[in-house]
PDB file of N, CA and C in Angstrom:
ATOM      1  N   MET A   1      52.362 107.411 182.060  1.00  0.00           N
ATOM      2  CA  MET A   1      52.244 107.412 183.386  1.00  0.00           C
ATOM      3  C   MET A   1      50.959 106.859 183.954  1.00  0.00           C
ATOM      4  N   ALA A   2      49.908 107.203 183.193  1.00  0.00           N
ATOM      5  CA  ALA A   2      48.627 106.991 183.522  1.00  0.00           C
ATOM      6  C   ALA A   2      48.260 105.322 183.628  1.00  0.00           C
ATOM      7  N   ALA A   3      49.000 104.542 182.564  1.00  0.00           N
ATOM      8  CA  ALA A   3      48.946 103.228 182.378  1.00  0.00           C
ATOM      9  C   ALA A   3      49.084 102.274 183.596  1.00  0.00           C
ATOM     10  N   PRO A   4      50.330 102.619 184.246  1.00  0.00           N
ATOM     11  CA  PRO A   4      50.750 101.869 185.395  1.00  0.00           C
ATOM     12  C   PRO A   4      49.718 101.977 186.701  1.00  0.00           C
ATOM     13  N   VAL A   5      49.229 103.211 186.646  1.00  0.00           N
ATOM     14  CA  VAL A   5      48.289 103.489 187.750  1.00  0.00           C
ATOM     15  C   VAL A   5      46.981 102.653 187.348  1.00  0.00           C
ATOM     16  N   ASP A   6      46.558 102.651 186.265  1.00  0.00           N
ATOM     17  CA  ASP A   6      45.267 102.007 185.883  1.00  0.00           C
ATOM     18  C   ASP A   6      45.482 100.437 186.138  1.00  0.00           C
ATOM     19  N   LEU A   7      46.572  99.913 185.829  1.00  0.00           N
ATOM     20  CA  LEU A   7      46.957  98.385 186.000  1.00  0.00           C
ATOM     21  C   LEU A   7      46.850  98.134 187.489  1.00  0.00           C
ATOM     22  N   GLU A   8      47.466  98.921 188.234  1.00  0.00           N
ATOM     23  CA  GLU A   8      47.402  98.772 189.791  1.00  0.00           C
ATOM     24  C   GLU A   8      45.886  98.724 190.287  1.00  0.00           C
ATOM     25  N   LEU A   9      45.180  99.796 189.896  1.00  0.00           N
ATOM     26  CA  LEU A   9      43.700  99.899 190.024  1.00  0.00           C
ATOM     27  C   LEU A   9      42.977  98.673 189.828  1.00  0.00           C
ATOM     28  N   LYS A  10      43.318  98.277 188.552  1.00  0.00           N
ATOM     29  CA  LYS A  10      42.628  96.965 188.005  1.00  0.00           C
ATOM     30  C   LYS A  10      42.829  95.946 189.088  1.00  0.00           C
ATOM     31  N   LYS A  11      44.136  95.814 189.221  1.00  0.00           N
ATOM     32  CA  LYS A  11      44.539  94.655 189.932  1.00  0.00           C
ATOM     33  C   LYS A  11      43.980  94.665 191.409  1.00  0.00           C
ATOM     34  N   ALA A  12      43.854  95.787 191.965  1.00  0.00           N
ATOM     35  CA  ALA A  12      43.399  96.075 193.469  1.00  0.00           C
ATOM     36  C   ALA A  12      41.874  95.727 193.398  1.00  0.00           C
ATOM     37  N   PHE A  13      41.265  96.313 192.395  1.00  0.00           N
ATOM     38  CA  PHE A  13      39.720  96.021 192.190  1.00  0.00           C
ATOM     39  C   PHE A  13      39.428  94.559 192.179  1.00  0.00           C
ATOM     40  N   ALA A  14      40.258  93.785 191.112  1.00  0.00           N
ATOM     41  CA  ALA A  14      39.911  92.363 190.934  1.00  0.00           C
ATOM     42  C   ALA A  14      40.259  91.479 192.428  1.00  0.00           C
ATOM     43  N   GLU A  15      41.195  91.978 193.098  1.00  0.00           N
ATOM     44  CA  GLU A  15      41.414  91.509 194.629  1.00  0.00           C
ATOM     45  C   GLU A  15      40.180  91.661 195.403  1.00  0.00           C
ATOM     46  N   LEU A  16      39.977  93.032 195.432  1.00  0.00           N
ATOM     47  CA  LEU A  16      38.958  93.311 196.176  1.00  0.00           C
ATOM     48  C   LEU A  16      37.273  92.501 195.924  1.00  0.00           C
ATOM     49  N   GLN A  17      37.208  92.524 194.621  1.00  0.00           N
ATOM     50  CA  GLN A  17      36.013  91.738 193.989  1.00  0.00           C
ATOM     51  C   GLN A  17      35.829  90.232 194.458  1.00  0.00           C
ATOM     52  N   ALA A  18      37.169  89.724 194.221  1.00  0.00           N
ATOM     53  CA  ALA A  18      37.498  88.264 194.852  1.00  0.00           C
ATOM     54  C   ALA A  18      37.087  88.017 196.269  1.00  0.00           C
ATOM     55  N   LYS A  19      37.505  88.991 197.053  1.00  0.00           N
ATOM     56  CA  LYS A  19      37.477  88.974 198.480  1.00  0.00           C
ATOM     57  C   LYS A  19      35.956  89.216 198.976  1.00  0.00           C
ATOM     58  N   MET A  20      35.336  90.056 198.126  1.00  0.00           N
ATOM     59  CA  MET A  20      33.764  90.213 198.324  1.00  0.00           C
ATOM     60  C   MET A  20      33.174  88.803 197.882  1.00  0.00           C
ATOM     61  N   ILE A  21      33.336  88.387 196.907  1.00  0.00           N
ATOM     62  CA  ILE A  21      32.625  87.287 196.534  1.00  0.00           C
ATOM     63  C   ILE A  21      32.703  86.071 197.559  1.00  0.00           C
ATOM     64  N   ASP A  22      33.984  85.897 198.101  1.00  0.00           N
ATOM     65  CA  ASP A  22      34.273  84.953 199.124  1.00  0.00           C
ATOM     66  C   ASP A  22      33.458  85.297 200.255  1.00  0.00           C
ATOM     67  N   THR A  23      33.475  86.504 200.813  1.00  0.00           N
ATOM     68  CA  THR A  23      32.695  86.678 202.047  1.00  0.00           C
ATOM     69  C   THR A  23      31.207  86.778 201.804  1.00  0.00           C
ATOM     70  N   GLN A  24      30.472  87.025 200.535  1.00  0.00           N
ATOM     71  CA  GLN A  24      29.376  86.676 200.584  1.00  0.00           C
ATOM     72  C   GLN A  24      28.875  85.326 200.475  1.00  0.00           C
ATOM     73  N   GLN A  25      29.916  84.415 200.082  1.00  0.00           N
ATOM     74  CA  GLN A  25      29.729  82.879 200.157  1.00  0.00           C
ATOM     75  C   GLN A  25      29.835  82.547 201.558  1.00  0.00           C
ATOM     76  N   LYS A  26      30.659  83.036 202.368  1.00  0.00           N
ATOM     77  CA  LYS A  26      30.732  82.658 203.736  1.00  0.00           C
ATOM     78  C   LYS A  26      29.542  83.200 204.455  1.00  0.00           C
ATOM     79  N   VAL A  27      28.876  84.200 204.346  1.00  0.00           N
ATOM     80  CA  VAL A  27      27.614  84.996 204.910  1.00  0.00           C
ATOM     81  C   VAL A  27      26.554  83.828 204.598  1.00  0.00           C
ATOM     82  N   LYS A  28      26.460  83.666 203.277  1.00  0.00           N
ATOM     83  CA  LYS A  28      25.289  82.567 202.971  1.00  0.00           C
ATOM     84  C   LYS A  28      25.607  81.426 203.748  1.00  0.00           C
ATOM     85  N   LEU A  29      26.619  80.603 203.849  1.00  0.00           N
ATOM     86  CA  LEU A  29      26.786  79.420 204.526  1.00  0.00           C
ATOM     87  C   LEU A  29      26.396  79.621 206.043  1.00  0.00           C
ATOM     88  N   ALA A  30      26.810  80.826 206.556  1.00  0.00           N
ATOM     89  CA  ALA A  30      26.611  80.987 208.017  1.00  0.00           C
ATOM     90  C   ALA A  30      25.271  81.172 208.165  1.00  0.00           C
ATOM     91  N   ASP A  31      24.356  81.856 207.298  1.00  0.00           N
ATOM     92  CA  ASP A  31      22.995  81.881 207.176  1.00  0.00           C
ATOM     93  C   ASP A  31      22.253  80.566 207.228  1.00  0.00           C
ATOM     94  N   LEU A  32      22.789  79.696 206.420  1.00  0.00           N
ATOM     95  CA  LEU A  32      22.042  78.467 206.217  1.00  0.00           C
ATOM     96  C   LEU A  32      22.234  77.635 207.478  1.00  0.00           C
ATOM     97  N   GLN A  33      23.302  77.710 208.024  1.00  0.00           N
ATOM     98  CA  GLN A  33      23.777  76.937 209.354  1.00  0.00           C
ATOM     99  C   GLN A  33      22.886  77.529 210.479  1.00  0.00           C
ATOM    100  N   ILE A  34      22.564  78.912 210.695  1.00  0.00           N
ATOM    101  CA  ILE A  34      21.824  79.360 211.665  1.00  0.00           C
ATOM    102  C   ILE A  34      20.490  79.014 211.411  1.00  0.00           C
ATOM    103  N   GLU A  35      20.035  78.841 210.182  1.00  0.00           N
ATOM    104  CA  GLU A  35      18.470  78.394 209.957  1.00  0.00           C
ATOM    105  C   GLU A  35      18.446  76.973 210.387  1.00  0.00           C
ATOM    106  N   GLN A  36      19.363  76.137 209.957  1.00  0.00           N
ATOM    107  CA  GLN A  36      19.218  74.691 210.384  1.00  0.00           C
ATOM    108  C   GLN A  36      19.223  74.534 211.854  1.00  0.00           C
ATOM    109  N   LEU A  37      20.200  75.176 212.466  1.00  0.00           N
ATOM    110  CA  LEU A  37      20.292  75.188 214.177  1.00  0.00           C
ATOM    111  C   LEU A  37      19.019  75.603 214.663  1.00  0.00           C
ATOM    112  N   SER A  38      18.373  76.655 214.129  1.00  0.00           N
ATOM    113  CA  SER A  38      16.954  77.183 214.625  1.00  0.00           C
ATOM    114  C   SER A  38      16.083  76.279 214.402  1.00  0.00           C
ATOM    115  N   ARG A  39      15.920  75.646 213.445  1.00  0.00           N
ATOM    116  CA  ARG A  39      14.870  74.567 213.360  1.00  0.00           C
ATOM    117  C   ARG A  39      15.364  73.241 214.381  1.00  0.00           C
ATOM    118  N   MET A  40      16.443  72.927 214.291  1.00  0.00           N
ATOM    119  CA  MET A  40      16.665  71.862 215.306  1.00  0.00           C
ATOM    120  C   MET A  40      16.328  72.215 216.878  1.00  0.00           C
ATOM    121  N   LYS A  41      16.663  73.552 217.090  1.00  0.00           N
ATOM    122  CA  LYS A  41      16.335  74.067 218.541  1.00  0.00           C
ATOM    123  C   LYS A  41      14.785  73.956 218.432  1.00  0.00           C
ATOM    124  N   LYS A  42      14.099  74.319 217.725  1.00  0.00           N
ATOM    125  CA  LYS A  42      12.571  74.415 217.726  1.00  0.00           C
ATOM    126  C   LYS A  42      12.008  73.015 217.860  1.00  0.00           C
ATOM    127  N   HIS A  43      12.640  72.309 217.002  1.00  0.00           N
ATOM    128  CA  HIS A  43      12.144  70.846 217.167  1.00  0.00           C
ATOM    129  C   HIS A  43      12.311  70.251 218.652  1.00  0.00           C
ATOM    130  N   ALA A  44      13.438  70.550 219.167  1.00  0.00           N
ATOM    131  CA  ALA A  44      13.843  70.126 220.498  1.00  0.00           C
ATOM    132  C   ALA A  44      12.938  70.632 221.593  1.00  0.00           C
ATOM    133  N   ASN A  45      12.802  71.931 221.361  1.00  0.00           N
ATOM    134  CA  ASN A  45      11.852  72.849 222.252  1.00  0.00           C
ATOM    135  C   ASN A  45      10.442  72.227 222.236  1.00  0.00           C
ATOM    136  N   LEU A  46       9.836  71.839 221.056  1.00  0.00           N
ATOM    137  CA  LEU A  46       8.620  71.445 220.944  1.00  0.00           C
ATOM    138  C   LEU A  46       8.345  69.867 221.341  1.00  0.00           C
ATOM    139  N   THR A  47       9.398  69.177 221.286  1.00  0.00           N
ATOM    140  CA  THR A  47       9.339  67.901 221.748  1.00  0.00           C
ATOM    141  C   THR A  47       9.295  67.861 223.433  1.00  0.00           C
ATOM    142  N   HIS A  48      10.305  68.623 223.870  1.00  0.00           N
ATOM    143  CA  HIS A  48      10.391  68.962 225.195  1.00  0.00           C
ATOM    144  C   HIS A  48       8.883  69.367 225.945  1.00  0.00           C
ATOM    145  N   ALA A  49       8.268  70.058 225.133  1.00  0.00           N
ATOM    146  CA  ALA A  49       7.109  70.679 225.610  1.00  0.00           C
ATOM    147  C   ALA A  49       5.918  69.705 225.817  1.00  0.00           C
ATOM    148  N   GLU A  50       6.205  68.771 224.903  1.00  0.00           N
ATOM    149  CA  GLU A  50       5.153  67.731 224.813  1.00  0.00           C
ATOM    150  C   GLU A  50       5.561  66.431 225.902  1.00  0.00           C
ATOM    151  N   ILE A  51       6.880  66.449 226.019  1.00  0.00           N
ATOM    152  CA  ILE A  51       7.318  65.289 227.015  1.00  0.00           C
ATOM    153  C   ILE A  51       7.087  65.577 228.554  1.00  0.00           C
ATOM    154  N   THR A  52       7.070  67.055 228.701  1.00  0.00           N
ATOM    155  CA  THR A  52       6.917  67.473 230.015  1.00  0.00           C
ATOM    156  C   THR A  52       5.310  67.327 230.547  1.00  0.00           C
ATOM    157  N   SER A  53       4.399  67.219 229.628  1.00  0.00           N
ATOM    158  CA  SER A  53       2.945  67.027 229.983  1.00  0.00           C
ATOM    159  C   SER A  53       2.795  65.540 230.409  1.00  0.00           C
ATOM    160  N   LEU A  54       3.639  64.579 229.962  1.00  0.00           N
ATOM    161  CA  LEU A  54       3.641  63.233 230.269  1.00  0.00           C
ATOM    162  C   LEU A  54       3.840  62.685 231.706  1.00  0.00           C
ATOM    163  N   PRO A  55       3.224  61.885 232.191  1.00  0.00           N
ATOM    164  CA  PRO A  55       3.621  61.320 233.529  1.00  0.00           C
ATOM    165  C   PRO A  55       5.052  60.674 233.631  1.00  0.00           C
ATOM    166  N   ASP A  56       5.666  60.706 234.558  1.00  0.00           N
ATOM    167  CA  ASP A  56       7.056  60.269 234.839  1.00  0.00           C
ATOM    168  C   ASP A  56       7.017  58.749 234.665  1.00  0.00           C
ATOM    169  N   THR A  57       6.149  57.897 234.921  1.00  0.00           N
ATOM    170  CA  THR A  57       6.225  56.537 234.567  1.00  0.00           C
ATOM    171  C   THR A  57       5.911  56.144 233.174  1.00  0.00           C
ATOM    172  N   THR A  58       5.784  57.057 232.144  1.00  0.00           N
ATOM    173  CA  THR A  58       5.743  56.731 230.823  1.00  0.00           C
ATOM    174  C   THR A  58       6.869  56.134 230.272  1.00  0.00           C
ATOM    175  N   ARG A  59       6.740  55.153 229.413  1.00  0.00           N
ATOM    176  CA  ARG A  59       7.908  54.509 228.726  1.00  0.00           C
ATOM    177  C   ARG A  59       8.285  55.136 227.543  1.00  0.00           C
ATOM    178  N   MET A  60       9.616  55.620 227.662  1.00  0.00           N
ATOM    179  CA  MET A  60      10.112  56.529 226.458  1.00  0.00           C
ATOM    180  C   MET A  60      11.216  55.738 225.806  1.00  0.00           C
ATOM    181  N   PHE A  61      11.146  55.850 224.338  1.00  0.00           N
ATOM    182  CA  PHE A  61      12.276  55.359 223.594  1.00  0.00           C
ATOM    183  C   PHE A  61      12.813  56.460 222.854  1.00  0.00           C
ATOM    184  N   GLU A  62      14.302  56.243 222.526  1.00  0.00           N
ATOM    185  CA  GLU A  62      15.021  57.055 221.808  1.00  0.00           C
ATOM    186  C   GLU A  62      15.646  56.352 220.507  1.00  0.00           C
ATOM    187  N   GLY A  63      15.446  56.901 219.441  1.00  0.00           N
ATOM    188  CA  GLY A  63      15.799  56.255 218.180  1.00  0.00           C
ATOM    189  C   GLY A  63      17.146  56.337 217.985  1.00  0.00           C
ATOM    190  N   ALA A  64      17.631  55.260 217.740  1.00  0.00           N
ATOM    191  CA  ALA A  64      19.216  55.116 217.600  1.00  0.00           C
ATOM    192  C   ALA A  64      19.445  54.215 216.186  1.00  0.00           C
ATOM    193  N   GLY A  65      19.574  54.742 215.095  1.00  0.00           N
ATOM    194  CA  GLY A  65      19.743  53.999 213.904  1.00  0.00           C
ATOM    195  C   GLY A  65      18.399  53.360 213.602  1.00  0.00           C
ATOM    196  N   ARG A  66      18.566  52.056 213.411  1.00  0.00           N
ATOM    197  CA  ARG A  66      17.157  51.315 213.148  1.00  0.00           C
ATOM    198  C   ARG A  66      16.674  50.557 214.322  1.00  0.00           C
ATOM    199  N   MET A  67      17.194  51.006 215.455  1.00  0.00           N
ATOM    200  CA  MET A  67      16.421  50.470 216.823  1.00  0.00           C
ATOM    201  C   MET A  67      16.072  51.801 217.711  1.00  0.00           C
ATOM    202  N   PHE A  68      15.324  51.271 218.834  1.00  0.00           N
ATOM    203  CA  PHE A  68      15.151  52.327 219.561  1.00  0.00           C
ATOM    204  C   PHE A  68      15.604  51.722 221.049  1.00  0.00           C
ATOM    205  N   ILE A  69      15.914  52.797 221.874  1.00  0.00           N
ATOM    206  CA  ILE A  69      16.580  52.432 223.282  1.00  0.00           C
ATOM    207  C   ILE A  69      15.576  52.998 224.205  1.00  0.00           C
ATOM    208  N   LEU A  70      15.057  52.127 225.221  1.00  0.00           N
ATOM    209  CA  LEU A  70      14.348  52.511 226.301  1.00  0.00           C
ATOM    210  C   LEU A  70      15.190  53.464 227.411  1.00  0.00           C
ATOM    211  N   GLN A  71      14.633  54.532 227.581  1.00  0.00           N
ATOM    212  CA  GLN A  71      15.206  55.458 228.477  1.00  0.00           C
ATOM    213  C   GLN A  71      14.292  56.217 229.431  1.00  0.00           C
ATOM    214  N   SER A  72      14.823  56.771 230.536  1.00  0.00           N
ATOM    215  CA  SER A  72      13.822  57.191 231.380  1.00  0.00           C
ATOM    216  C   SER A  72      13.431  58.868 230.880  1.00  0.00           C
ATOM    217  N   LYS A  73      12.395  59.306 231.463  1.00  0.00           N
ATOM    218  CA  LYS A  73      11.935  60.749 230.921  1.00  0.00           C
ATOM    219  C   LYS A  73      12.841  61.761 231.169  1.00  0.00           C
ATOM    220  N   GLY A  74      13.499  61.487 232.507  1.00  0.00           N
ATOM    221  CA  GLY A  74      14.667  62.561 232.800  1.00  0.00           C
ATOM    222  C   GLY A  74      15.748  62.499 231.872  1.00  0.00           C
ATOM    223  N   GLU A  75      16.214  61.506 231.357  1.00  0.00           N
ATOM    224  CA  GLU A  75      17.442  61.383 230.501  1.00  0.00           C
ATOM    225  C   GLU A  75      17.092  61.963 229.145  1.00  0.00           C
ATOM    226  N   ILE A  76      15.789  61.764 228.565  1.00  0.00           N
ATOM    227  CA  ILE A  76      15.526  62.269 227.389  1.00  0.00           C
ATOM    228  C   ILE A  76      15.265  63.844 227.512  1.00  0.00           C
ATOM    229  N   THR A  77      14.657  64.355 228.610  1.00  0.00           N
ATOM    230  CA  THR A  77      14.603  65.734 228.769  1.00  0.00           C
ATOM    231  C   THR A  77      15.962  66.212 229.020  1.00  0.00           C
ATOM    232  N   ASN A  78      16.975  65.773 229.608  1.00  0.00           N
ATOM    233  CA  ASN A  78      18.296  66.447 229.565  1.00  0.00           C
ATOM    234  C   ASN A  78      18.711  66.498 228.239  1.00  0.00           C
ATOM    235  N   GLN A  79      18.731  65.506 227.363  1.00  0.00           N
ATOM    236  CA  GLN A  79      19.243  65.433 226.082  1.00  0.00           C
ATOM    237  C   GLN A  79      18.559  66.506 225.338  1.00  0.00           C
ATOM    238  N   LEU A  80      17.386  66.773 225.343  1.00  0.00           N
ATOM    239  CA  LEU A  80      16.631  67.813 224.525  1.00  0.00           C
ATOM    240  C   LEU A  80      17.158  69.161 224.934  1.00  0.00           C
ATOM    241  N   LEU A  81      17.303  69.381 226.523  1.00  0.00           N
ATOM    242  CA  LEU A  81      17.884  70.576 226.883  1.00  0.00           C
ATOM    243  C   LEU A  81      19.182  70.698 226.457  1.00  0.00           C
ATOM    244  N   ASP A  82      20.075  69.723 226.329  1.00  0.00           N
ATOM    245  CA  ASP A  82      21.493  69.960 225.900  1.00  0.00           C
ATOM    246  C   ASP A  82      21.479  70.208 224.393  1.00  0.00           C
ATOM    247  N   LYS A  83      20.493  69.666 223.646  1.00  0.00           N
ATOM    248  CA  LYS A  83      20.352  70.026 222.159  1.00  0.00           C
ATOM    249  C   LYS A  83      20.145  71.546 222.037  1.00  0.00           C
ATOM    250  N   GLN A  84      19.176  71.895 222.798  1.00  0.00           N
ATOM    251  CA  GLN A  84      18.851  73.371 222.753  1.00  0.00           C
ATOM    252  C   GLN A  84      19.872  74.282 223.066  1.00  0.00           C
ATOM    253  N   LYS A  85      20.570  73.924 224.240  1.00  0.00           N
ATOM    254  CA  LYS A  85      21.767  74.815 224.584  1.00  0.00           C
ATOM    255  C   LYS A  85      22.955  74.790 223.689  1.00  0.00           C
ATOM    256  N   THR A  86      23.147  73.821 223.072  1.00  0.00           N
ATOM    257  CA  THR A  86      24.325  73.461 222.089  1.00  0.00           C
ATOM    258  C   THR A  86      23.690  74.472 220.875  1.00  0.00           C
ATOM    259  N   ALA A  87      22.667  74.301 220.391  1.00  0.00           N
ATOM    260  CA  ALA A  87      22.064  75.162 219.210  1.00  0.00           C
ATOM    261  C   ALA A  87      22.328  76.374 219.504  1.00  0.00           C
ATOM    262  N   ASP A  88      22.013  76.986 220.703  1.00  0.00           N
ATOM    263  CA  ASP A  88      21.975  78.372 221.115  1.00  0.00           C
ATOM    264  C   ASP A  88      23.355  78.940 221.037  1.00  0.00           C
ATOM    265  N   GLU A  89      24.422  78.098 221.667  1.00  0.00           N
ATOM    266  CA  GLU A  89      25.685  78.428 221.501  1.00  0.00           C
ATOM    267  C   GLU A  89      26.233  78.532 220.191  1.00  0.00           C
ATOM    268  N   LYS A  90      25.938  77.469 219.462  1.00  0.00           N
ATOM    269  CA  LYS A  90      26.570  77.585 217.971  1.00  0.00           C
ATOM    270  C   LYS A  90      25.946  78.757 217.131  1.00  0.00           C
ATOM    271  N   ILE A  91      24.832  79.080 217.378  1.00  0.00           N
ATOM    272  CA  ILE A  91      23.921  80.268 216.741  1.00  0.00           C
ATOM    273  C   ILE A  91      24.679  81.555 217.140  1.00  0.00           C
ATOM    274  N   LYS A  92      25.045  81.554 218.370  1.00  0.00           N
ATOM    275  CA  LYS A  92      25.801  82.743 218.958  1.00  0.00           C
ATOM    276  C   LYS A  92      27.147  82.972 218.304  1.00  0.00           C
ATOM    277  N   GLU A  93      27.591  81.837 218.236  1.00  0.00           N
ATOM    278  CA  GLU A  93      29.040  81.705 217.685  1.00  0.00           C
ATOM    279  C   GLU A  93      29.129  82.044 216.187  1.00  0.00           C
ATOM    280  N   LEU A  94      28.044  81.732 215.533  1.00  0.00           N
ATOM    281  CA  LEU A  94      27.866  81.941 213.967  1.00  0.00           C
ATOM    282  C   LEU A  94      27.671  83.371 213.826  1.00  0.00           C
ATOM    283  N   GLU A  95      26.894  83.866 214.713  1.00  0.00           N
ATOM    284  CA  GLU A  95      26.240  85.347 214.530  1.00  0.00           C
ATOM    285  C   GLU A  95      27.549  86.341 214.988  1.00  0.00           C
ATOM    286  N   GLY A  96      28.342  85.922 216.140  1.00  0.00           N
ATOM    287  CA  GLY A  96      29.337  86.442 216.533  1.00  0.00           C
ATOM    288  C   GLY A  96      30.710  86.446 215.731  1.00  0.00           C
ATOM    289  N   ASP A  97      30.726  85.456 215.120  1.00  0.00           N
ATOM    290  CA  ASP A  97      32.003  85.251 214.163  1.00  0.00           C
ATOM    291  C   ASP A  97      31.692  86.030 212.952  1.00  0.00           C
ATOM    292  N   SER A  98      31.927  87.434 212.821  1.00  0.00           N
ATOM    293  CA  SER A  98      31.564  88.426 212.078  1.00  0.00           C
ATOM    294  C   SER A  98      32.535  88.260 210.713  1.00  0.00           C
ATOM    295  N   VAL A  99      31.971  87.863 209.797  1.00  0.00           N
ATOM    296  CA  VAL A  99      32.637  87.680 208.629  1.00  0.00           C
ATOM    297  C   VAL A  99      33.038  88.899 207.931  1.00  0.00           C
ATOM    298  N   VAL A 100      32.236  89.941 208.416  1.00  0.00           N
ATOM    299  CA  VAL A 100      32.379  91.221 207.634  1.00  0.00           C
ATOM    300  C   VAL A 100      33.614  91.926 208.496  1.00  0.00           C
ATOM    301  N   ASN A 101      33.935  91.645 209.728  1.00  0.00           N
ATOM    302  CA  ASN A 101      35.040  92.137 210.274  1.00  0.00           C
ATOM    303  C   ASN A 101      36.207  91.437 209.595  1.00  0.00           C
ATOM    304  N   ASN A 102      36.191  90.161 209.259  1.00  0.00           N
ATOM    305  CA  ASN A 102      37.347  89.525 208.621  1.00  0.00           C
ATOM    306  C   ASN A 102      37.735  90.241 207.317  1.00  0.00           C
ATOM    307  N   PHE A 103      36.501  90.546 206.704  1.00  0.00           N
ATOM    308  CA  PHE A 103      36.706  91.358 205.285  1.00  0.00           C
ATOM    309  C   PHE A 103      37.175  92.694 205.405  1.00  0.00           C
ATOM    310  N   ILE A 104      36.877  93.435 206.392  1.00  0.00           N
ATOM    311  CA  ILE A 104      37.292  94.895 206.609  1.00  0.00           C
ATOM    312  C   ILE A 104      38.909  94.851 206.732  1.00  0.00           C
ATOM    313  N   SER A 105      39.396  93.748 207.678  1.00  0.00           N
ATOM    314  CA  SER A 105      40.910  93.796 208.132  1.00  0.00           C
ATOM    315  C   SER A 105      41.641  93.169 206.906  1.00  0.00           C
TER     316      SER A 105
END
């Protein structure tokens, strides 16, 4: 009688171990994405801080592939603010998307 119980326990343990490994990989991936988004947000924030100190008449160019496009200070400022907002939303989504809760259920 002990043998079937042992086999069931081994099977359940193997499934749980596989689920744990999968969850750990998802957590690592989420952490890497959060780190990358944080760097992007910081870069946009620093660029915005530098641009705000420039006069409104300053000619500004945005890089697009191998060329640069002349844009107004307002357009570039709006793009930087959008980047920061998008990064914030994605970070909150990644932090809120609790892989641990998926693991428990």
